Structure formats: C-alpha cells, structure tokens
Amino acid sequence: MIALGAAAGSAVAQDPALIPASGTLGDKCNFITGEFDFDCVPLYVGYLIQIVFAMSGGFALMEILKGGYQIGMGGLTGDKEGGKKRVTWALIGLALCILSFVIVDFAISTLLLGPVAL
C-alpha cells in the first residue's frame, strides 16, 4: 500500500510547492526577484487553492483505489459493503471537491477580472 501511495504521488501533474517552479505568477509577480505588489495576493491565493484541491483529489483517488481493493478482497473477508461505502463516499467527496473548486475559481476570477457581462 505504501508503494502504491509513492507511485501515485509521482503522477501528480503539478508541483506542490508553495512558490511556483518558474518563480512567477502572472505578468507582474516574480517571487525570485521580489517584484510583486498587492495585485499578486489573489493570484497567489488562487495558486495555493489549486494545490489544496489537487491534493484532495489525489486523496479521493487513493480512497477509491482502497475501496476497490476492499471490494475485490470482500469475497475472502466478507466486507464488500465496507468497500462499496468507501467508494461511494470517495466519489461524493471528489464531486464536492470539483464543485467547490469551480465555485472558488469563479469567485477568484471575478475578483481579478470583475463581473463578466453575459
């Protein structure tokens, strides 16, 4: 199980660092040279929120895999219901995570760009 967690951790699409690998966010925010102002705060908060949601999505994936293993081994242990519940709650959690990401992303983009006329 530990090897599975290590393998899944290396498959993350983005680098979970507190400062982006490039050192820049947007046009004016450069963490390497120290050139940033208050306009960088929402960008940085949005970056941190992306990291948190990526980690929670990875956790949900691990729980889905663990539940699938529990269902698969349920024939031997007699605990298929526990695996089904784990997968169900992991999928519900993943759906809530995606929904909250969409809401937060919309709120941050609205703060940065202003209201968009439809």
Protein backbone atom coordinates (compact mmCIF):
# COMPACT_ATOMS: atom_id res chain seq x y z
CA MET A 1 0.00 0.00 0.00
CA ILE A 2 2.89 2.36 0.73
CA ALA A 3 4.44 1.63 -2.67
CA LEU A 4 1.10 2.40 -4.31
CA GLY A 5 0.96 5.73 -2.50
CA ALA A 6 4.50 6.58 -3.58
CA ALA A 7 3.72 5.70 -7.20
CA ALA A 8 0.54 7.80 -7.18
CA GLY A 9 2.40 10.73 -5.62
CA SER A 10 4.83 10.86 -8.52
CA ALA A 11 1.99 11.03 -11.05
CA VAL A 12 0.78 14.45 -9.87
CA ALA A 13 0.51 16.87 -12.78
CA GLN A 14 1.63 19.93 -10.88
CA ASP A 15 4.47 20.51 -8.47
CA PRO A 16 3.01 21.02 -4.97
CA ALA A 17 5.42 23.79 -3.94
CA LEU A 18 4.37 26.94 -2.11
CA ILE A 19 6.15 29.02 -4.75
CA PRO A 20 5.69 28.11 -8.43
CA ALA A 21 8.66 26.40 -10.06
CA SER A 22 9.03 29.26 -12.54
CA GLY A 23 9.03 31.79 -9.69
CA THR A 24 6.41 33.92 -11.42
CA LEU A 25 2.64 34.30 -11.31
CA GLY A 26 1.03 36.41 -14.00
CA ASP A 27 2.88 39.33 -15.53
CA LYS A 28 3.99 41.36 -12.52
CA CYS A 29 4.53 38.80 -9.76
CA ASN A 30 8.09 37.49 -9.53
CA PHE A 31 8.98 35.68 -6.30
CA ILE A 32 12.62 35.19 -7.25
CA THR A 33 13.46 38.87 -7.67
CA GLY A 34 10.92 40.05 -5.08
CA GLU A 35 8.98 42.19 -7.56
CA PHE A 36 5.34 41.90 -6.55
CA ASP A 37 2.56 44.08 -5.18
CA PHE A 38 -0.93 43.70 -3.75
CA ASP A 39 -2.30 42.57 -7.11
CA CYS A 40 -0.29 39.36 -6.63
CA VAL A 41 -2.16 38.33 -3.47
CA PRO A 42 -5.29 36.98 -5.24
CA LEU A 43 -3.10 35.18 -7.79
CA TYR A 44 -1.07 33.56 -5.02
CA VAL A 45 -4.19 32.58 -3.05
CA GLY A 46 -5.62 31.04 -6.22
CA TYR A 47 -2.37 29.12 -6.73
CA LEU A 48 -2.50 27.77 -3.16
CA ILE A 49 -6.14 26.79 -3.59
CA GLN A 50 -5.24 24.84 -6.75
CA ILE A 51 -2.61 22.92 -4.75
CA VAL A 52 -5.08 22.11 -1.97
CA PHE A 53 -7.70 20.88 -4.45
CA ALA A 54 -5.11 18.79 -6.32
CA MET A 55 -4.08 17.12 -3.06
CA SER A 56 -7.69 16.46 -2.04
CA GLY A 57 -8.37 14.96 -5.48
CA GLY A 58 -5.34 12.72 -5.03
CA PHE A 59 -6.64 11.66 -1.63
CA ALA A 60 -10.05 10.83 -3.15
CA LEU A 61 -8.31 8.75 -5.82
CA MET A 62 -6.42 6.82 -3.13
CA GLU A 63 -9.67 6.17 -1.26
CA ILE A 64 -11.36 4.94 -4.46
CA LEU A 65 -8.47 2.54 -5.06
CA LYS A 66 -8.55 1.39 -1.44
CA GLY A 67 -12.32 0.83 -1.68
CA GLY A 68 -11.91 -1.12 -4.91
CA TYR A 69 -9.30 -3.30 -3.25
CA GLN A 70 -11.65 -3.77 -0.30
CA ILE A 71 -14.48 -4.80 -2.65
CA GLY A 72 -12.18 -7.15 -4.55
CA MET A 73 -10.98 -8.83 -1.37
CA GLY A 74 -14.52 -8.80 0.05
CA GLY A 75 -15.06 -12.35 -1.13
CA LEU A 76 -12.40 -13.53 1.28
CA THR A 77 -13.06 -11.17 4.16
CA GLY A 78 -16.83 -10.80 3.74
CA ASP A 79 -16.64 -6.99 3.82
CA LYS A 80 -17.84 -5.90 0.38
CA GLU A 81 -20.27 -3.38 1.87
CA GLY A 82 -17.45 -1.50 3.58
CA GLY A 83 -15.66 -1.15 0.23
CA LYS A 84 -18.83 -0.01 -1.52
CA LYS A 85 -19.39 2.64 1.15
CA ARG A 86 -15.77 3.79 0.88
CA VAL A 87 -16.00 4.16 -2.92
CA THR A 88 -19.39 5.90 -2.66
CA TRP A 89 -18.16 8.44 -0.12
CA ALA A 90 -14.91 8.97 -2.00
CA LEU A 91 -16.86 9.75 -5.20
CA ILE A 92 -19.17 12.10 -3.28
CA GLY A 93 -16.13 13.81 -1.78
CA LEU A 94 -14.49 14.11 -5.19
CA ALA A 95 -17.67 15.60 -6.67
CA LEU A 96 -17.87 18.13 -3.81
CA CYS A 97 -14.19 18.94 -4.28
CA ILE A 98 -14.67 19.59 -8.00
CA LEU A 99 -17.79 21.66 -7.37
CA SER A 100 -16.08 23.75 -4.70
CA PHE A 101 -13.08 24.27 -7.00
CA VAL A 102 -15.37 25.58 -9.73
CA ILE A 103 -17.08 27.94 -7.27
CA VAL A 104 -13.82 29.23 -5.78
CA ASP A 105 -12.21 29.59 -9.22
CA PHE A 106 -15.22 31.58 -10.41
CA ALA A 107 -15.08 33.80 -7.31
CA ILE A 108 -11.35 34.47 -7.67
CA SER A 109 -11.58 35.15 -11.40
CA THR A 110 -14.49 37.52 -10.72
CA LEU A 111 -12.39 39.35 -8.13
CA LEU A 112 -9.48 39.63 -10.53
CA LEU A 113 -11.31 40.39 -13.78
CA GLY A 114 -14.50 41.96 -12.46
CA PRO A 115 -18.02 40.86 -13.36
CA VAL A 116 -18.36 39.45 -16.85
CA ALA A 117 -21.30 40.67 -18.95
CA LEU A 118 -23.26 37.83 -20.49
